[in-house]
Amino acid sequence: MDYLPYFLKYYNVDLQPTNSNCIDIELAKDLLYPGAHIATSNPYEHYHHGIVIDTNTPDISIIHLWGADKDSSRVQTTTLPIFIAGSIDAVGKNLRHLYLVNYDGDTVEKQQTTVEIAKNMLENADDIKYNLATSNCEGFACFCRTLKWHSEQIEKLTNILIENAADIYEKVKDADENNRRDIFSLLQAGPIDALDPSQKELYGDFREKYN
């Protein structure tokens, strides 16, 4: 069982990035630009993020941190249709919404710098190891734009785990290996200092179970 869509729907959580707006895919060539931070998703799913590199190519070229599975994830290039679909095999079958993440005080110079950073990270792809909580696709895109690794959706997911620890503990006690690994990665990023004593005890139980 994939627990993420279940919990997002159960707790009515929207992972849409702050300061982002949904754009018409048909107008992407008019609305996107080199250096744009984009994301794609459907309701109650995680958002996949990337950086637009060139809008003059036939399908718009993008650099993102992605892989068919977490162990093979790396910084690589793709095109907008594949980015939106989730994989080359899903093009024409899976169509997700497209979002543009806006930045205050943005300039053409900052956008150009973003492209340069993304290309540099592509050249050094072997140095970047995927981690759900600390080094994911959103963190990559944010770093290219701000030089800070940050994932808003991971913060939201971690808060859900902590705030609803007892309920979630019962629901996922039989989680498979992939879900156990994801849960533990989220717990590692948890705001431990903000927890009260009872929450810290549950947090400890979580970590022991899913380590």
N, C-alpha and C. Protein backbone atom coordinates (compact mmCIF):
# COMPACT_ATOMS: atom_id res chain seq x y z
N MET A 1 0.84 -1.20 0.00
CA MET A 1 0.00 0.00 0.00
C MET A 1 0.87 1.25 0.00
N ASP A 2 0.56 2.23 -0.85
CA ASP A 2 1.22 3.52 -0.85
C ASP A 2 0.48 4.42 0.13
N TYR A 3 1.11 4.72 1.26
CA TYR A 3 0.42 5.42 2.33
C TYR A 3 0.24 6.92 2.08
N LEU A 4 1.10 7.52 1.24
CA LEU A 4 1.06 8.97 1.11
C LEU A 4 -0.28 9.50 0.60
N PRO A 5 -0.81 9.03 -0.55
CA PRO A 5 -2.11 9.55 -0.99
C PRO A 5 -3.21 9.32 0.03
N TYR A 6 -3.14 8.19 0.71
CA TYR A 6 -4.16 7.87 1.72
C TYR A 6 -4.14 8.92 2.83
N PHE A 7 -2.95 9.22 3.36
CA PHE A 7 -2.87 10.17 4.47
C PHE A 7 -3.16 11.60 4.03
N LEU A 8 -2.73 11.97 2.83
CA LEU A 8 -3.02 13.32 2.35
C LEU A 8 -4.52 13.54 2.24
N LYS A 9 -5.21 12.53 1.74
CA LYS A 9 -6.67 12.64 1.63
C LYS A 9 -7.34 12.55 3.00
N TYR A 10 -6.86 11.66 3.84
CA TYR A 10 -7.45 11.45 5.17
C TYR A 10 -7.36 12.72 6.01
N TYR A 11 -6.20 13.40 5.94
CA TYR A 11 -6.00 14.63 6.73
C TYR A 11 -6.22 15.89 5.91
N ASN A 12 -6.69 15.72 4.67
CA ASN A 12 -7.01 16.84 3.78
C ASN A 12 -5.84 17.82 3.67
N VAL A 13 -4.69 17.29 3.28
CA VAL A 13 -3.47 18.09 3.17
C VAL A 13 -3.15 18.36 1.69
N ASP A 14 -2.90 19.61 1.37
CA ASP A 14 -2.51 20.00 0.02
C ASP A 14 -1.03 20.38 0.04
N LEU A 15 -0.23 19.71 -0.76
CA LEU A 15 1.21 19.95 -0.79
C LEU A 15 1.62 20.97 -1.85
N GLN A 16 0.66 21.70 -2.40
CA GLN A 16 1.00 22.71 -3.40
C GLN A 16 1.98 23.72 -2.82
N PRO A 17 3.05 24.05 -3.53
CA PRO A 17 4.04 24.99 -3.01
C PRO A 17 3.43 26.38 -2.76
N THR A 18 3.88 27.02 -1.70
CA THR A 18 3.48 28.39 -1.44
C THR A 18 3.95 29.28 -2.59
N ASN A 19 3.17 30.29 -2.90
CA ASN A 19 3.51 31.23 -3.99
C ASN A 19 3.58 30.56 -5.36
N SER A 20 2.79 29.52 -5.54
CA SER A 20 2.74 28.88 -6.86
C SER A 20 1.34 29.02 -7.43
N ASN A 21 1.26 28.94 -8.75
CA ASN A 21 -0.05 28.98 -9.41
C ASN A 21 -0.09 27.95 -10.53
N CYS A 22 -1.27 27.37 -10.69
CA CYS A 22 -1.46 26.37 -11.73
C CYS A 22 -1.54 27.07 -13.08
N ILE A 23 -0.83 26.54 -14.06
CA ILE A 23 -0.84 27.15 -15.38
C ILE A 23 -1.33 26.16 -16.43
N ASP A 24 -1.84 26.69 -17.51
CA ASP A 24 -2.34 25.89 -18.61
C ASP A 24 -1.16 25.27 -19.36
N ILE A 25 -1.13 23.95 -19.44
CA ILE A 25 -0.02 23.28 -20.10
C ILE A 25 0.10 23.72 -21.55
N GLU A 26 -1.02 24.00 -22.18
CA GLU A 26 -0.99 24.43 -23.58
C GLU A 26 -0.30 25.78 -23.75
N LEU A 27 -0.22 26.56 -22.66
CA LEU A 27 0.40 27.89 -22.71
C LEU A 27 1.80 27.89 -22.10
N ALA A 28 2.34 26.71 -21.86
CA ALA A 28 3.62 26.60 -21.15
C ALA A 28 4.73 27.37 -21.85
N LYS A 29 4.79 27.31 -23.17
CA LYS A 29 5.87 28.00 -23.89
C LYS A 29 5.78 29.51 -23.73
N ASP A 30 4.58 30.02 -23.48
CA ASP A 30 4.41 31.46 -23.30
C ASP A 30 4.64 31.88 -21.85
N LEU A 31 4.37 30.97 -20.91
CA LEU A 31 4.41 31.34 -19.50
C LEU A 31 5.70 30.94 -18.79
N LEU A 32 6.38 29.93 -19.30
CA LEU A 32 7.61 29.48 -18.66
C LEU A 32 8.82 30.19 -19.26
N TYR A 33 9.94 30.09 -18.57
CA TYR A 33 11.18 30.78 -18.97
C TYR A 33 12.36 30.01 -18.39
N PRO A 34 13.54 30.14 -18.99
CA PRO A 34 14.72 29.48 -18.42
C PRO A 34 14.94 29.94 -16.99
N GLY A 35 15.09 28.98 -16.09
CA GLY A 35 15.26 29.31 -14.69
C GLY A 35 13.98 29.19 -13.88
N ALA A 36 12.87 28.90 -14.55
CA ALA A 36 11.60 28.76 -13.83
C ALA A 36 11.61 27.51 -12.96
N HIS A 37 11.11 27.65 -11.76
CA HIS A 37 10.91 26.52 -10.84
C HIS A 37 9.48 26.04 -11.07
N ILE A 38 9.33 24.80 -11.52
CA ILE A 38 8.01 24.26 -11.80
C ILE A 38 7.75 23.01 -10.95
N ALA A 39 6.49 22.67 -10.84
CA ALA A 39 6.09 21.47 -10.09
C ALA A 39 4.88 20.86 -10.77
N THR A 40 4.68 19.58 -10.54
CA THR A 40 3.53 18.90 -11.14
C THR A 40 2.94 17.90 -10.15
N SER A 41 1.61 17.79 -10.16
CA SER A 41 0.94 16.87 -9.25
C SER A 41 -0.53 16.80 -9.60
N ASN A 42 -1.21 15.87 -8.96
CA ASN A 42 -2.66 15.78 -8.93
C ASN A 42 -3.11 15.83 -7.48
N PRO A 43 -4.39 16.05 -7.22
CA PRO A 43 -4.86 16.12 -5.82
C PRO A 43 -4.43 14.91 -5.00
N TYR A 44 -3.99 15.18 -3.78
CA TYR A 44 -3.59 14.16 -2.80
C TYR A 44 -2.42 13.30 -3.28
N GLU A 45 -1.51 13.94 -4.02
CA GLU A 45 -0.26 13.30 -4.41
C GLU A 45 0.89 14.22 -4.02
N HIS A 46 2.10 13.68 -3.99
CA HIS A 46 3.25 14.55 -3.77
C HIS A 46 3.49 15.38 -5.03
N TYR A 47 4.22 16.48 -4.88
CA TYR A 47 4.56 17.36 -6.02
C TYR A 47 5.98 17.06 -6.46
N HIS A 48 6.14 16.86 -7.76
CA HIS A 48 7.48 16.69 -8.31
C HIS A 48 7.95 18.03 -8.86
N HIS A 49 9.24 18.36 -8.58
CA HIS A 49 9.77 19.69 -8.90
C HIS A 49 10.93 19.60 -9.89
N GLY A 50 11.13 20.68 -10.63
CA GLY A 50 12.25 20.76 -11.54
C GLY A 50 12.52 22.20 -11.95
N ILE A 51 13.59 22.37 -12.72
CA ILE A 51 14.00 23.69 -13.21
C ILE A 51 13.98 23.70 -14.74
N VAL A 52 13.28 24.67 -15.32
CA VAL A 52 13.25 24.83 -16.78
C VAL A 52 14.60 25.35 -17.25
N ILE A 53 15.15 24.72 -18.29
CA ILE A 53 16.45 25.12 -18.82
C ILE A 53 16.33 25.85 -20.15
N ASP A 54 15.46 25.36 -21.01
CA ASP A 54 15.34 25.94 -22.35
C ASP A 54 13.90 25.80 -22.83
N THR A 55 13.29 26.92 -23.19
CA THR A 55 11.92 26.88 -23.70
C THR A 55 11.87 26.88 -25.22
N ASN A 56 13.02 26.93 -25.86
CA ASN A 56 13.06 26.95 -27.32
C ASN A 56 13.18 25.57 -27.93
N THR A 57 13.38 24.57 -27.10
CA THR A 57 13.40 23.19 -27.60
C THR A 57 11.95 22.76 -27.87
N PRO A 58 11.74 21.75 -28.71
CA PRO A 58 10.37 21.36 -29.07
C PRO A 58 9.47 21.07 -27.87
N ASP A 59 10.01 20.43 -26.83
CA ASP A 59 9.16 20.03 -25.71
C ASP A 59 9.54 20.69 -24.38
N ILE A 60 10.36 21.73 -24.41
CA ILE A 60 10.86 22.44 -23.22
C ILE A 60 11.75 21.50 -22.40
N SER A 61 13.01 21.85 -22.24
CA SER A 61 13.95 21.00 -21.51
C SER A 61 14.01 21.40 -20.04
N ILE A 62 14.19 20.39 -19.19
CA ILE A 62 14.13 20.56 -17.74
C ILE A 62 15.25 19.74 -17.10
N ILE A 63 15.79 20.25 -16.00
CA ILE A 63 16.70 19.47 -15.16
C ILE A 63 16.00 19.23 -13.83
N HIS A 64 16.04 17.97 -13.38
CA HIS A 64 15.38 17.63 -12.12
C HIS A 64 16.12 16.49 -11.44
N LEU A 65 15.79 16.26 -10.18
CA LEU A 65 16.32 15.13 -9.43
C LEU A 65 15.24 14.05 -9.43
N TRP A 66 15.51 12.96 -10.16
CA TRP A 66 14.46 11.96 -10.37
C TRP A 66 15.09 10.60 -10.64
N GLY A 67 14.31 9.55 -10.40
CA GLY A 67 14.71 8.21 -10.77
C GLY A 67 13.51 7.29 -10.77
N ALA A 68 13.59 6.19 -11.48
CA ALA A 68 12.49 5.22 -11.51
C ALA A 68 12.22 4.66 -10.12
N ASP A 69 13.27 4.62 -9.30
CA ASP A 69 13.12 4.28 -7.88
C ASP A 69 14.11 5.15 -7.11
N LYS A 70 13.98 5.16 -5.79
CA LYS A 70 14.78 6.06 -4.98
C LYS A 70 16.27 5.77 -5.07
N ASP A 71 16.64 4.52 -5.21
CA ASP A 71 18.06 4.16 -5.27
C ASP A 71 18.72 4.63 -6.56
N SER A 72 17.94 4.79 -7.62
CA SER A 72 18.51 5.21 -8.90
C SER A 72 18.30 6.70 -9.18
N SER A 73 17.72 7.42 -8.25
CA SER A 73 17.44 8.84 -8.46
C SER A 73 18.74 9.64 -8.59
N ARG A 74 18.76 10.55 -9.56
CA ARG A 74 19.93 11.39 -9.79
C ARG A 74 19.49 12.63 -10.56
N VAL A 75 20.32 13.65 -10.57
CA VAL A 75 20.05 14.85 -11.34
C VAL A 75 20.18 14.49 -12.81
N GLN A 76 19.17 14.84 -13.61
CA GLN A 76 19.16 14.48 -15.02
C GLN A 76 18.25 15.42 -15.80
N THR A 77 18.31 15.31 -17.11
CA THR A 77 17.47 16.14 -17.97
C THR A 77 16.21 15.38 -18.36
N THR A 78 15.19 16.14 -18.71
CA THR A 78 13.95 15.55 -19.22
C THR A 78 13.24 16.61 -20.05
N THR A 79 12.06 16.28 -20.52
CA THR A 79 11.25 17.23 -21.26
C THR A 79 9.94 17.46 -20.50
N LEU A 80 9.25 18.52 -20.83
CA LEU A 80 8.02 18.84 -20.10
C LEU A 80 6.98 17.73 -20.18
N PRO A 81 6.71 17.12 -21.34
CA PRO A 81 5.71 16.04 -21.37
C PRO A 81 6.06 14.87 -20.44
N ILE A 82 7.34 14.49 -20.40
CA ILE A 82 7.76 13.39 -19.53
C ILE A 82 7.69 13.82 -18.07
N PHE A 83 8.09 15.05 -17.80
CA PHE A 83 8.04 15.61 -16.44
C PHE A 83 6.62 15.56 -15.89
N ILE A 84 5.67 15.99 -16.69
CA ILE A 84 4.27 16.02 -16.26
C ILE A 84 3.70 14.62 -16.11
N ALA A 85 4.09 13.72 -17.01
CA ALA A 85 3.55 12.35 -16.97
C ALA A 85 4.14 11.52 -15.84
N GLY A 86 5.38 11.81 -15.47
CA GLY A 86 6.04 11.06 -14.41
C GLY A 86 7.08 10.08 -14.91
N SER A 87 6.98 9.69 -16.17
CA SER A 87 7.97 8.83 -16.82
C SER A 87 7.68 8.79 -18.30
N ILE A 88 8.64 8.35 -19.08
CA ILE A 88 8.44 8.32 -20.53
C ILE A 88 7.34 7.33 -20.90
N ASP A 89 7.20 6.26 -20.15
CA ASP A 89 6.17 5.27 -20.45
C ASP A 89 4.77 5.77 -20.15
N ALA A 90 4.67 6.82 -19.31
CA ALA A 90 3.35 7.34 -18.92
C ALA A 90 2.89 8.52 -19.76
N VAL A 91 3.72 8.95 -20.72
CA VAL A 91 3.33 10.08 -21.57
C VAL A 91 2.06 9.71 -22.34
N GLY A 92 1.08 10.58 -22.29
CA GLY A 92 -0.19 10.33 -22.96
C GLY A 92 -1.16 9.53 -22.12
N LYS A 93 -0.68 8.99 -20.99
CA LYS A 93 -1.54 8.19 -20.12
C LYS A 93 -1.80 8.87 -18.79
N ASN A 94 -0.79 9.56 -18.27
CA ASN A 94 -0.89 10.21 -16.96
C ASN A 94 -0.63 11.70 -17.14
N LEU A 95 -1.63 12.52 -16.96
CA LEU A 95 -1.50 13.96 -17.14
C LEU A 95 -1.75 14.67 -15.82
N ARG A 96 -0.68 15.23 -15.26
CA ARG A 96 -0.79 15.93 -13.99
C ARG A 96 -0.87 17.44 -14.23
N HIS A 97 -1.32 18.17 -13.22
CA HIS A 97 -1.37 19.62 -13.31
C HIS A 97 0.04 20.20 -13.25
N LEU A 98 0.21 21.36 -13.88
CA LEU A 98 1.51 22.03 -13.91
C LEU A 98 1.44 23.33 -13.12
N TYR A 99 2.45 23.57 -12.28
CA TYR A 99 2.49 24.75 -11.42
C TYR A 99 3.80 25.51 -11.64
N LEU A 100 3.71 26.83 -11.57
CA LEU A 100 4.87 27.71 -11.61
C LEU A 100 5.07 28.29 -10.23
N VAL A 101 6.26 28.10 -9.66
CA VAL A 101 6.57 28.63 -8.34
C VAL A 101 7.18 30.02 -8.52
N ASN A 102 6.58 31.02 -7.90
CA ASN A 102 7.01 32.41 -8.04
C ASN A 102 7.91 32.83 -6.88
N TYR A 103 8.88 33.68 -7.18
CA TYR A 103 9.82 34.17 -6.19
C TYR A 103 9.77 35.69 -6.13
N ASP A 104 9.67 36.21 -4.91
CA ASP A 104 9.67 37.66 -4.72
C ASP A 104 11.02 38.24 -5.17
N GLY A 105 10.96 39.39 -5.83
CA GLY A 105 12.18 40.06 -6.27
C GLY A 105 12.92 39.33 -7.36
N ASP A 106 12.22 38.50 -8.12
CA ASP A 106 12.87 37.73 -9.17
C ASP A 106 13.34 38.64 -10.30
N THR A 107 14.45 38.29 -10.91
CA THR A 107 15.00 39.05 -12.03
C THR A 107 15.51 38.08 -13.09
N VAL A 108 15.73 38.60 -14.28
CA VAL A 108 16.29 37.77 -15.36
C VAL A 108 17.68 37.27 -14.95
N GLU A 109 18.44 38.11 -14.26
CA GLU A 109 19.77 37.71 -13.82
C GLU A 109 19.69 36.51 -12.86
N LYS A 110 18.75 36.54 -11.92
CA LYS A 110 18.58 35.44 -10.98
C LYS A 110 18.13 34.17 -11.71
N GLN A 111 17.30 34.34 -12.72
CA GLN A 111 16.85 33.19 -13.50
C GLN A 111 18.00 32.57 -14.27
N GLN A 112 18.87 33.41 -14.82
CA GLN A 112 20.03 32.91 -15.55
C GLN A 112 20.99 32.17 -14.61
N THR A 113 21.15 32.71 -13.40
CA THR A 113 22.00 32.06 -12.40
C THR A 113 21.42 30.71 -12.03
N THR A 114 20.10 30.62 -11.93
CA THR A 114 19.43 29.36 -11.62
C THR A 114 19.76 28.30 -12.66
N VAL A 115 19.73 28.68 -13.93
CA VAL A 115 20.06 27.74 -15.01
C VAL A 115 21.50 27.27 -14.88
N GLU A 116 22.40 28.21 -14.58
CA GLU A 116 23.82 27.84 -14.44
C GLU A 116 24.03 26.87 -13.29
N ILE A 117 23.34 27.10 -12.17
CA ILE A 117 23.47 26.21 -11.02
C ILE A 117 22.93 24.82 -11.36
N ALA A 118 21.77 24.77 -12.01
CA ALA A 118 21.18 23.48 -12.38
C ALA A 118 22.11 22.70 -13.32
N LYS A 119 22.71 23.39 -14.28
CA LYS A 119 23.61 22.72 -15.21
C LYS A 119 24.86 22.23 -14.50
N ASN A 120 25.35 23.02 -13.54
CA ASN A 120 26.52 22.60 -12.77
C ASN A 120 26.22 21.37 -11.93
N MET A 121 25.02 21.33 -11.37
CA MET A 121 24.64 20.16 -10.58
C MET A 121 24.44 18.94 -11.47
N LEU A 122 24.01 19.16 -12.69
CA LEU A 122 23.89 18.06 -13.64
C LEU A 122 25.27 17.48 -13.96
N GLU A 123 26.26 18.35 -14.12
CA GLU A 123 27.62 17.90 -14.41
C GLU A 123 28.22 17.13 -13.24
N ASN A 124 27.72 17.42 -12.03
CA ASN A 124 28.23 16.75 -10.82
C ASN A 124 27.17 15.84 -10.21
N ALA A 125 26.38 15.23 -11.07
CA ALA A 125 25.24 14.43 -10.61
C ALA A 125 25.65 13.31 -9.67
N ASP A 126 26.83 12.74 -9.86
CA ASP A 126 27.25 11.62 -9.02
C ASP A 126 27.48 12.04 -7.56
N ASP A 127 27.64 13.33 -7.32
CA ASP A 127 27.89 13.81 -5.97
C ASP A 127 26.61 14.04 -5.17
N ILE A 128 25.46 13.95 -5.84
CA ILE A 128 24.19 14.26 -5.18
C ILE A 128 23.41 12.96 -4.97
N LYS A 129 23.21 12.61 -3.72
CA LYS A 129 22.52 11.38 -3.37
C LYS A 129 21.10 11.70 -2.90
N TYR A 130 20.13 11.00 -3.46
CA TYR A 130 18.73 11.25 -3.11
C TYR A 130 18.43 10.79 -1.68
N ASN A 131 17.69 11.63 -0.97
CA ASN A 131 17.14 11.27 0.32
C ASN A 131 15.79 11.94 0.44
N LEU A 132 14.77 11.16 0.78
CA LEU A 132 13.41 11.69 0.79
C LEU A 132 13.29 12.95 1.62
N ALA A 133 13.92 12.98 2.79
CA ALA A 133 13.72 14.10 3.71
C ALA A 133 14.67 15.26 3.47
N THR A 134 15.91 14.99 3.05
CA THR A 134 16.92 16.04 3.02
C THR A 134 17.44 16.40 1.63
N SER A 135 17.26 15.53 0.66
CA SER A 135 17.81 15.78 -0.67
C SER A 135 16.86 15.21 -1.72
N ASN A 136 15.75 15.93 -1.93
CA ASN A 136 14.72 15.45 -2.85
C ASN A 136 14.54 16.43 -4.00
N CYS A 137 13.56 16.17 -4.86
CA CYS A 137 13.38 16.99 -6.06
C CYS A 137 13.04 18.44 -5.72
N GLU A 138 12.23 18.65 -4.68
CA GLU A 138 11.87 20.02 -4.30
C GLU A 138 13.09 20.74 -3.73
N GLY A 139 13.86 20.03 -2.89
CA GLY A 139 15.06 20.63 -2.34
C GLY A 139 16.03 21.03 -3.43
N PHE A 140 16.16 20.16 -4.45
CA PHE A 140 17.04 20.47 -5.59
C PHE A 140 16.60 21.75 -6.29
N ALA A 141 15.31 21.85 -6.62
CA ALA A 141 14.81 23.02 -7.33
C ALA A 141 14.97 24.29 -6.49
N CYS A 142 14.69 24.18 -5.19
CA CYS A 142 14.85 25.34 -4.30
C CYS A 142 16.31 25.76 -4.21
N PHE A 143 17.22 24.78 -4.17
CA PHE A 143 18.64 25.12 -4.11
C PHE A 143 19.08 25.87 -5.36
N CYS A 144 18.60 25.41 -6.51
CA CYS A 144 18.96 26.09 -7.76
C CYS A 144 18.50 27.54 -7.76
N ARG A 145 17.38 27.80 -7.09
CA ARG A 145 16.84 29.17 -7.08
C ARG A 145 17.36 30.01 -5.92
N THR A 146 17.65 29.39 -4.78
CA THR A 146 17.96 30.17 -3.58
C THR A 146 19.28 29.79 -2.91
N LEU A 147 19.94 28.73 -3.38
CA LEU A 147 21.14 28.18 -2.77
C LEU A 147 20.87 27.61 -1.37
N LYS A 148 19.61 27.26 -1.12
CA LYS A 148 19.24 26.63 0.14
C LYS A 148 18.40 25.39 -0.16
N TRP A 149 18.81 24.25 0.43
CA TRP A 149 18.02 23.04 0.30
C TRP A 149 16.82 23.14 1.23
N HIS A 150 15.63 23.13 0.66
CA HIS A 150 14.43 23.28 1.47
C HIS A 150 13.28 22.55 0.79
N SER A 151 12.49 21.82 1.57
CA SER A 151 11.34 21.11 1.02
C SER A 151 10.12 21.39 1.89
N GLU A 152 9.26 22.24 1.38
CA GLU A 152 8.05 22.61 2.11
C GLU A 152 7.13 21.41 2.31
N GLN A 153 7.01 20.56 1.30
CA GLN A 153 6.09 19.44 1.44
C GLN A 153 6.60 18.42 2.46
N ILE A 154 7.91 18.27 2.60
CA ILE A 154 8.44 17.38 3.62
C ILE A 154 8.14 17.93 5.01
N GLU A 155 8.22 19.24 5.17
CA GLU A 155 7.86 19.84 6.46
C GLU A 155 6.40 19.55 6.80
N LYS A 156 5.53 19.68 5.82
CA LYS A 156 4.10 19.41 6.05
C LYS A 156 3.88 17.95 6.41
N LEU A 157 4.54 17.05 5.68
CA LEU A 157 4.37 15.62 5.94
C LEU A 157 4.91 15.24 7.31
N THR A 158 6.05 15.81 7.68
CA THR A 158 6.62 15.51 8.98
C THR A 158 5.69 15.98 10.09
N ASN A 159 5.12 17.16 9.91
CA ASN A 159 4.19 17.68 10.92
C ASN A 159 2.96 16.79 11.06
N ILE A 160 2.49 16.24 9.94
CA ILE A 160 1.35 15.31 10.00
C ILE A 160 1.72 14.09 10.84
N LEU A 161 2.91 13.54 10.59
CA LEU A 161 3.35 12.37 11.32
C LEU A 161 3.43 12.64 12.83
N ILE A 162 3.96 13.81 13.17
CA ILE A 162 4.15 14.14 14.58
C ILE A 162 2.82 14.46 15.26
N GLU A 163 2.00 15.27 14.62
CA GLU A 163 0.75 15.73 15.23
C GLU A 163 -0.28 14.60 15.37
N ASN A 164 -0.16 13.59 14.52
CA ASN A 164 -1.13 12.49 14.54
C ASN A 164 -0.43 11.16 14.79
N ALA A 165 0.59 11.20 15.63
CA ALA A 165 1.47 10.05 15.79
C ALA A 165 0.74 8.78 16.18
N ALA A 166 -0.11 8.86 17.20
CA ALA A 166 -0.78 7.64 17.70
C ALA A 166 -1.67 7.02 16.63
N ASP A 167 -2.44 7.85 15.94
CA ASP A 167 -3.34 7.36 14.89
C ASP A 167 -2.56 6.74 13.74
N ILE A 168 -1.51 7.42 13.31
CA ILE A 168 -0.72 6.94 12.18
C ILE A 168 0.05 5.67 12.56
N TYR A 169 0.56 5.65 13.78
CA TYR A 169 1.30 4.46 14.25
C TYR A 169 0.46 3.19 14.09
N GLU A 170 -0.81 3.30 14.42
CA GLU A 170 -1.70 2.14 14.31
C GLU A 170 -1.96 1.77 12.86
N LYS A 171 -2.10 2.79 12.00
CA LYS A 171 -2.45 2.54 10.60
C LYS A 171 -1.29 1.94 9.80
N VAL A 172 -0.05 2.29 10.17
CA VAL A 172 1.08 1.86 9.35
C VAL A 172 1.94 0.78 10.02
N LYS A 173 1.42 0.17 11.06
CA LYS A 173 2.23 -0.80 11.81
C LYS A 173 2.65 -1.99 10.96
N ASP A 174 1.92 -2.25 9.86
CA ASP A 174 2.28 -3.35 8.98
C ASP A 174 2.84 -2.87 7.64
N ALA A 175 3.43 -1.67 7.64
CA ALA A 175 3.95 -1.09 6.40
C ALA A 175 5.04 -1.97 5.78
N ASP A 176 5.10 -1.98 4.45
CA ASP A 176 6.14 -2.76 3.79
C ASP A 176 7.48 -2.02 3.85
N GLU A 177 8.54 -2.62 3.31
CA GLU A 177 9.88 -2.08 3.45
C GLU A 177 10.03 -0.69 2.85
N ASN A 178 9.46 -0.46 1.66
CA ASN A 178 9.57 0.85 1.02
C ASN A 178 8.91 1.93 1.85
N ASN A 179 7.72 1.66 2.36
CA ASN A 179 7.03 2.65 3.18
C ASN A 179 7.75 2.85 4.51
N ARG A 180 8.30 1.79 5.08
CA ARG A 180 9.04 1.92 6.33
C ARG A 180 10.22 2.85 6.15
N ARG A 181 10.93 2.71 5.03
CA ARG A 181 12.10 3.55 4.78
C ARG A 181 11.69 5.01 4.61
N ASP A 182 10.60 5.26 3.90
CA ASP A 182 10.12 6.63 3.71
C ASP A 182 9.68 7.25 5.03
N ILE A 183 8.97 6.46 5.84
CA ILE A 183 8.51 6.96 7.13
C ILE A 183 9.70 7.34 8.00
N PHE A 184 10.73 6.50 8.02
CA PHE A 184 11.89 6.79 8.85
C PHE A 184 12.62 8.03 8.35
N SER A 185 12.72 8.21 7.05
CA SER A 185 13.37 9.41 6.51
C SER A 185 12.63 10.67 6.95
N LEU A 186 11.31 10.62 6.92
CA LEU A 186 10.52 11.76 7.37
C LEU A 186 10.73 12.02 8.86
N LEU A 187 10.79 10.96 9.64
CA LEU A 187 10.98 11.12 11.08
C LEU A 187 12.33 11.74 11.40
N GLN A 188 13.34 11.42 10.61
CA GLN A 188 14.66 11.99 10.83
C GLN A 188 14.65 13.52 10.67
N ALA A 189 13.72 14.00 9.86
CA ALA A 189 13.63 15.45 9.62
C ALA A 189 12.65 16.12 10.57
N GLY A 190 12.09 15.37 11.49
CA GLY A 190 11.05 15.89 12.38
C GLY A 190 11.54 16.97 13.33
N PRO A 191 10.66 17.91 13.69
CA PRO A 191 11.00 19.01 14.61
C PRO A 191 10.97 18.52 16.06
N ILE A 192 11.99 17.78 16.48
CA ILE A 192 11.99 17.11 17.78
C ILE A 192 11.83 18.10 18.93
N ASP A 193 12.52 19.22 18.86
CA ASP A 193 12.50 20.18 19.97
C ASP A 193 11.11 20.75 20.22
N ALA A 194 10.23 20.68 19.23
CA ALA A 194 8.90 21.26 19.37
C ALA A 194 7.89 20.29 19.99
N LEU A 195 8.32 19.07 20.25
CA LEU A 195 7.39 18.06 20.75
C LEU A 195 7.25 18.13 22.26
N ASP A 196 6.05 17.78 22.74
CA ASP A 196 5.87 17.65 24.18
C ASP A 196 6.34 16.24 24.59
N PRO A 197 6.45 15.95 25.91
CA PRO A 197 7.00 14.66 26.35
C PRO A 197 6.27 13.44 25.78
N SER A 198 4.94 13.48 25.72
CA SER A 198 4.21 12.32 25.20
C SER A 198 4.46 12.13 23.71
N GLN A 199 4.57 13.25 22.97
CA GLN A 199 4.87 13.16 21.54
C GLN A 199 6.28 12.62 21.32
N LYS A 200 7.22 13.04 22.16
CA LYS A 200 8.59 12.55 22.04
C LYS A 200 8.65 11.04 22.28
N GLU A 201 7.83 10.56 23.19
CA GLU A 201 7.79 9.13 23.46
C GLU A 201 7.27 8.37 22.24
N LEU A 202 6.20 8.88 21.63
CA LEU A 202 5.68 8.25 20.42
C LEU A 202 6.69 8.34 19.28
N TYR A 203 7.36 9.49 19.20
CA TYR A 203 8.38 9.67 18.17
C TYR A 203 9.48 8.62 18.32
N GLY A 204 9.88 8.39 19.58
CA GLY A 204 10.90 7.38 19.83
C GLY A 204 10.43 6.00 19.42
N ASP A 205 9.16 5.70 19.68
CA ASP A 205 8.60 4.41 19.27
C ASP A 205 8.61 4.28 17.76
N PHE A 206 8.23 5.38 17.07
CA PHE A 206 8.24 5.39 15.61
C PHE A 206 9.64 5.06 15.09
N ARG A 207 10.63 5.79 15.59
CA ARG A 207 11.99 5.63 15.08
C ARG A 207 12.52 4.23 15.33
N GLU A 208 12.21 3.69 16.49
CA GLU A 208 12.66 2.34 16.80
C GLU A 208 12.03 1.31 15.87
N LYS A 209 10.74 1.53 15.56
CA LYS A 209 10.01 0.58 14.71
C LYS A 209 10.48 0.64 13.27
N TYR A 210 10.73 1.86 12.77
CA TYR A 210 10.99 2.01 11.34
C TYR A 210 12.47 2.20 11.00
N ASN A 211 13.34 2.09 11.99
CA ASN A 211 14.77 2.21 11.72
C ASN A 211 15.27 0.94 11.01
